Each structure stands twice: as C-alpha cells, then as structure tokens.
Amino acid sequence: MVLQAAGLAVRWVTGGEVAVEAHSLLQENLGPANVEDLATFIKTIGPSRDDRAMTRMLCAFDDSGVLAVVAGARLGRLNAAMLLYSAVRNDMRRKGVYSALRSKVLDALRDEDARPLDYVVSELEPEGILWRYYRKHWNAWIVPCDYRVPDTQGLTPRLLDLVIVPGERRPGLDEIAEIVREVYEGVYRLVPADSSDEYLSVIQSIRNDGPEPGA
C-alpha cells in the first residue's frame, strides 16, 4: 500500500540497465567505496543459486527511473537472511518506502525455503540512522565483535557494526564465528575465509558479552 500510494512500481532485478541504474543509486547514497564494482555487483544479484547465498534485489521506480533499492541474500546454511544494500532517493525518504521494500525482500527470501527465517543480519554504520531505527523498532542486537568489511570486490575495508534482528530466535554467542564465516564465504566469496586477514581479525575480536537486557 505504501508503494502504491507513492505512485511507485516495483520489479525484481537480476541484471540489465535497471541493475546498472540501481548500482548508480547505491553509489550515490553510500559512496563508491562502499559498493562493489559494477561487474561484481551484477554477479552478486544474478539469478545463480547455491547453498551459501541466494540473492534477491527489489527496485522501486517511476517514469524517471529507479528511486529505491533493497537487496538481500538468504544464507542457506544458517537459515537466516542478510540485507546487503539499500538506498532511497532523497526526495522519497521518510515515506515508508525502505521498510516496504525490505519487508518484500525478506518475505521472498523466507519463501525460497518455505520456512521462517531465524534472524536477519545487517552491516550498519555505528549510531547511524538505520542503526538507531533497527535498535528502536526491531529489537536489534549489536554483535560483540570488531566487525570489518573485507578488502574485496572493489570495497574499501572499514569497521561497521554487525547487527542481528531476531526472527524465530536470536543466535547465541557461540554462533557468531559461524555467522561471520558464512558472510565472508557466502556473500563476499572469500573461500576459505581463514585466508582473509580481516576475517581472522574479526574472529579474534569476538567478546563473551552477556545477553543484552530485554533480549
């Protein structure tokens, strides 16, 4: 209803000119250093499937072009999803467009295996707008580690928070290493993850913090 009220159409995208336009919107919103190079991006959102990561990308658009995009991947070995990218053009923000697209993407990823997702993983800027929204509205858990985006796929390495929104459950502290491995190997395609200095640094930084109040 939100998308219809805003006069937007939506389309699942796996390549072509719409994917190129979505990539440009992501670079504009997130900065070129924080988005894969175009060739790798097209590979990431492509229709190929495996048991590690299956990606779906949904774009909202009108006659002027792509106005918003959300991409996510189902991490099959974890029965979880990861939100990979999101961007909304400035004039379409604060209208519920992001939340509507996010919901549709997660529904599609859930339906791929016909069972509810255990949880949803995101990489977020500490104390950023989305970080605060996730904490306030979706009971998000900040994983206790010094999480780092790896130096691969044209991305600039940087520290972010690994954030988990519970679905059927919240993972335990003993599952963090497995989650990070699946992200590095399934999403970033760094196989084996142990060959990555960033991965080893993240694993070594995992802290045995207790559950947060209200978790």
Protein backbone atom coordinates (compact mmCIF):
# COMPACT_ATOMS: atom_id res chain seq x y z
CA MET A 1 0.00 0.00 0.00
CA VAL A 2 2.85 2.42 0.80
CA LEU A 3 4.43 1.89 -2.59
CA GLN A 4 1.14 2.20 -4.43
CA ALA A 5 0.26 5.37 -2.51
CA ALA A 6 3.59 6.85 -3.56
CA GLY A 7 2.83 6.00 -7.19
CA LEU A 8 5.72 3.54 -7.46
CA ALA A 9 6.05 0.29 -9.35
CA VAL A 10 8.35 -2.50 -8.13
CA ARG A 11 10.41 -5.05 -10.01
CA TRP A 12 12.74 -7.90 -9.11
CA VAL A 13 16.02 -7.20 -10.87
CA THR A 14 18.83 -9.63 -11.76
CA GLY A 15 20.73 -7.60 -14.36
CA GLY A 16 20.38 -5.26 -17.32
CA GLU A 17 20.05 -1.49 -17.43
CA VAL A 18 17.88 -1.34 -14.31
CA ALA A 19 20.66 -3.07 -12.35
CA VAL A 20 23.17 -0.52 -13.64
CA GLU A 21 20.85 2.30 -12.55
CA ALA A 22 20.39 0.69 -9.13
CA HIS A 23 24.16 0.40 -8.77
CA SER A 24 24.49 4.13 -9.51
CA LEU A 25 21.85 4.99 -6.89
CA LEU A 26 23.68 2.87 -4.31
CA GLN A 27 26.99 4.58 -5.10
CA GLU A 28 25.32 7.98 -4.80
CA ASN A 29 23.78 7.11 -1.43
CA LEU A 30 26.55 5.00 0.12
CA GLY A 31 29.66 6.27 -1.65
CA PRO A 32 31.57 4.37 -4.38
CA ALA A 33 34.00 2.85 -1.87
CA ASN A 34 31.11 1.11 -0.08
CA VAL A 35 29.55 -0.56 -3.12
CA GLU A 36 31.01 -3.41 -5.16
CA ASP A 37 32.37 -2.60 -8.57
CA LEU A 38 29.70 -3.00 -11.25
CA ALA A 39 30.89 -6.35 -12.63
CA THR A 40 30.94 -7.93 -9.16
CA PHE A 41 27.61 -6.32 -8.25
CA ILE A 42 25.95 -7.87 -11.30
CA LYS A 43 27.36 -11.24 -10.26
CA THR A 44 26.07 -10.77 -6.71
CA ILE A 45 22.48 -10.01 -7.75
CA GLY A 46 22.42 -12.54 -10.60
CA PRO A 47 20.00 -15.49 -10.74
CA SER A 48 22.55 -18.17 -9.83
CA ARG A 49 21.81 -20.12 -6.64
CA ASP A 50 23.83 -22.21 -4.22
CA ASP A 51 23.50 -23.37 -0.65
CA ARG A 52 25.58 -20.48 0.70
CA ALA A 53 23.85 -17.32 -0.53
CA MET A 54 20.87 -16.73 -2.82
CA THR A 55 20.29 -13.04 -3.60
CA ARG A 56 17.13 -11.10 -4.41
CA MET A 57 17.05 -7.39 -5.32
CA LEU A 58 13.87 -5.32 -5.49
CA CYS A 59 13.72 -1.88 -7.09
CA ALA A 60 11.01 0.77 -6.87
CA PHE A 61 10.70 3.16 -9.78
CA ASP A 62 8.51 5.61 -11.67
CA ASP A 63 8.82 7.19 -15.10
CA SER A 64 12.00 8.97 -14.01
CA GLY A 65 13.83 5.74 -13.17
CA VAL A 66 14.93 3.81 -10.08
CA LEU A 67 14.01 5.60 -6.84
CA ALA A 68 14.83 2.94 -4.25
CA VAL A 69 16.53 -0.42 -3.99
CA VAL A 70 16.90 -3.14 -1.36
CA ALA A 71 18.98 -6.28 -1.90
CA GLY A 72 19.27 -9.25 0.43
CA ALA A 73 20.59 -12.80 0.46
CA ARG A 74 19.37 -15.97 2.09
CA LEU A 75 22.22 -17.65 3.97
CA GLY A 76 21.10 -21.23 3.47
CA ARG A 77 23.42 -22.88 5.95
CA LEU A 78 22.21 -20.58 8.72
CA ASN A 79 18.51 -20.39 7.80
CA ALA A 80 19.00 -16.64 8.01
CA ALA A 81 18.98 -13.64 5.69
CA MET A 82 21.42 -10.79 5.21
CA LEU A 83 20.48 -7.36 3.93
CA LEU A 84 23.23 -6.39 1.51
CA TYR A 85 22.30 -2.98 0.14
CA SER A 86 19.64 -0.33 0.46
CA ALA A 87 19.20 3.15 -0.96
CA VAL A 88 16.32 5.58 -1.36
CA ARG A 89 16.49 8.76 -3.41
CA ASN A 90 16.46 11.84 -1.19
CA ASP A 91 13.02 13.10 -2.23
CA MET A 92 11.43 9.68 -1.46
CA ARG A 93 12.77 9.28 2.07
CA ARG A 94 10.64 9.18 5.22
CA LYS A 95 7.67 7.84 3.28
CA GLY A 96 7.94 4.19 4.32
CA VAL A 97 9.50 3.11 1.00
CA TYR A 98 12.56 1.45 2.55
CA SER A 99 10.52 -0.51 5.10
CA ALA A 100 8.08 -1.66 2.42
CA LEU A 101 10.85 -2.89 0.11
CA ARG A 102 12.73 -4.50 2.99
CA SER A 103 9.62 -6.42 4.02
CA LYS A 104 9.04 -7.71 0.47
CA VAL A 105 12.66 -8.80 0.08
CA LEU A 106 12.64 -10.68 3.39
CA ASP A 107 9.32 -12.34 2.50
CA ALA A 108 10.83 -13.53 -0.79
CA LEU A 109 13.96 -14.87 0.92
CA ARG A 110 11.84 -16.66 3.51
CA ASP A 111 9.67 -18.23 0.82
CA GLU A 112 12.72 -19.62 -1.01
CA ASP A 113 12.98 -22.35 1.61
CA ALA A 114 9.36 -22.32 2.76
CA ARG A 115 10.26 -21.80 6.40
CA PRO A 116 10.59 -18.77 8.67
CA LEU A 117 13.97 -17.05 8.95
CA ASP A 118 15.76 -17.48 12.25
CA TYR A 119 17.23 -13.97 12.07
CA VAL A 120 18.34 -11.18 9.74
CA VAL A 121 21.93 -9.91 9.57
CA SER A 122 22.99 -6.41 8.51
CA GLU A 123 26.19 -4.38 8.41
CA LEU A 124 25.41 -0.90 9.71
CA GLU A 125 27.25 2.33 10.43
CA PRO A 126 27.52 2.61 14.23
CA GLU A 127 24.99 5.12 15.58
CA GLY A 128 23.74 5.86 12.04
CA ILE A 129 20.11 6.48 11.09
CA LEU A 130 19.39 2.85 10.21
CA TRP A 131 21.35 1.61 13.23
CA ARG A 132 19.14 3.67 15.54
CA TYR A 133 15.96 2.64 13.70
CA TYR A 134 16.85 -1.04 13.97
CA ARG A 135 17.56 -0.69 17.66
CA LYS A 136 14.34 1.19 18.38
CA HIS A 137 11.85 -0.66 16.19
CA TRP A 138 13.24 -4.15 15.53
CA ASN A 139 14.94 -5.17 18.78
CA ALA A 140 18.30 -5.40 17.00
CA TRP A 141 21.31 -6.95 18.71
CA ILE A 142 24.77 -5.49 18.11
CA VAL A 143 27.12 -8.47 17.79
CA PRO A 144 30.00 -8.06 20.30
CA CYS A 145 32.96 -8.02 17.95
CA ASP A 146 35.05 -5.58 15.94
CA TYR A 147 33.40 -6.37 12.63
CA ARG A 148 35.16 -5.36 9.43
CA VAL A 149 34.16 -5.28 5.76
CA PRO A 150 36.85 -7.17 3.85
CA ASP A 151 39.13 -5.82 1.16
CA THR A 152 37.44 -7.48 -1.83
CA GLN A 153 35.03 -6.88 -4.73
CA GLY A 154 36.13 -3.26 -5.06
CA LEU A 155 35.09 -2.42 -1.48
CA THR A 156 37.10 -0.32 0.92
CA PRO A 157 37.77 -2.16 4.22
CA ARG A 158 36.10 -0.45 7.17
CA LEU A 159 34.70 -1.09 10.60
CA LEU A 160 30.92 -1.48 10.88
CA ASP A 161 28.55 -3.00 13.41
CA LEU A 162 27.24 -6.46 12.64
CA VAL A 163 23.58 -6.16 13.60
CA ILE A 164 21.09 -9.01 14.02
CA VAL A 165 17.31 -8.69 14.09
CA PRO A 166 15.73 -11.81 15.62
CA GLY A 167 13.12 -13.70 13.62
CA GLU A 168 12.29 -17.07 15.08
CA ARG A 169 15.18 -16.67 17.52
CA ARG A 170 18.30 -14.70 18.40
CA PRO A 171 21.55 -16.58 17.81
CA GLY A 172 23.82 -17.30 20.74
CA LEU A 173 27.31 -16.01 21.32
CA ASP A 174 28.66 -19.41 20.34
CA GLU A 175 27.23 -18.92 16.81
CA ILE A 176 28.97 -15.63 15.99
CA ALA A 177 32.04 -17.21 14.40
CA GLU A 178 29.86 -19.34 12.13
CA ILE A 179 27.79 -16.31 11.10
CA VAL A 180 30.89 -14.29 10.22
CA ARG A 181 32.28 -17.21 8.21
CA GLU A 182 29.07 -17.56 6.21
CA VAL A 183 29.06 -13.83 5.45
CA TYR A 184 32.69 -13.85 4.33
CA GLU A 185 32.45 -17.05 2.30
CA GLY A 186 28.85 -16.90 1.07
CA VAL A 187 28.42 -13.18 0.44
CA TYR A 188 31.96 -11.92 -0.12
CA ARG A 189 33.05 -15.19 -1.76
CA LEU A 190 36.29 -15.36 0.23
CA VAL A 191 36.87 -19.11 0.36
CA PRO A 192 38.31 -20.18 2.68
CA ALA A 193 37.60 -17.28 5.00
CA ASP A 194 40.70 -18.15 7.00
CA SER A 195 42.81 -16.74 4.16
CA SER A 196 41.43 -13.25 4.92
CA ASP A 197 43.26 -11.12 7.48
CA GLU A 198 40.03 -9.19 8.10
CA TYR A 199 38.16 -12.41 8.91
CA LEU A 200 40.83 -13.57 11.35
CA SER A 201 40.80 -10.14 12.99
CA VAL A 202 37.02 -10.26 13.45
CA ILE A 203 37.10 -13.77 14.92
CA GLN A 204 39.84 -12.83 17.37
CA SER A 205 37.82 -9.79 18.49
CA ILE A 206 34.65 -11.69 19.48
CA ARG A 207 33.81 -10.86 23.08
CA ASN A 208 31.87 -13.02 25.51
CA ASP A 209 29.42 -10.29 26.41
CA GLY A 210 26.27 -11.50 28.10
CA PRO A 211 22.78 -11.08 26.61
CA GLU A 212 21.55 -7.52 26.46
CA PRO A 213 18.70 -6.51 28.77
CA GLY A 214 15.37 -7.39 27.20
CA ALA A 215 16.96 -9.70 24.60
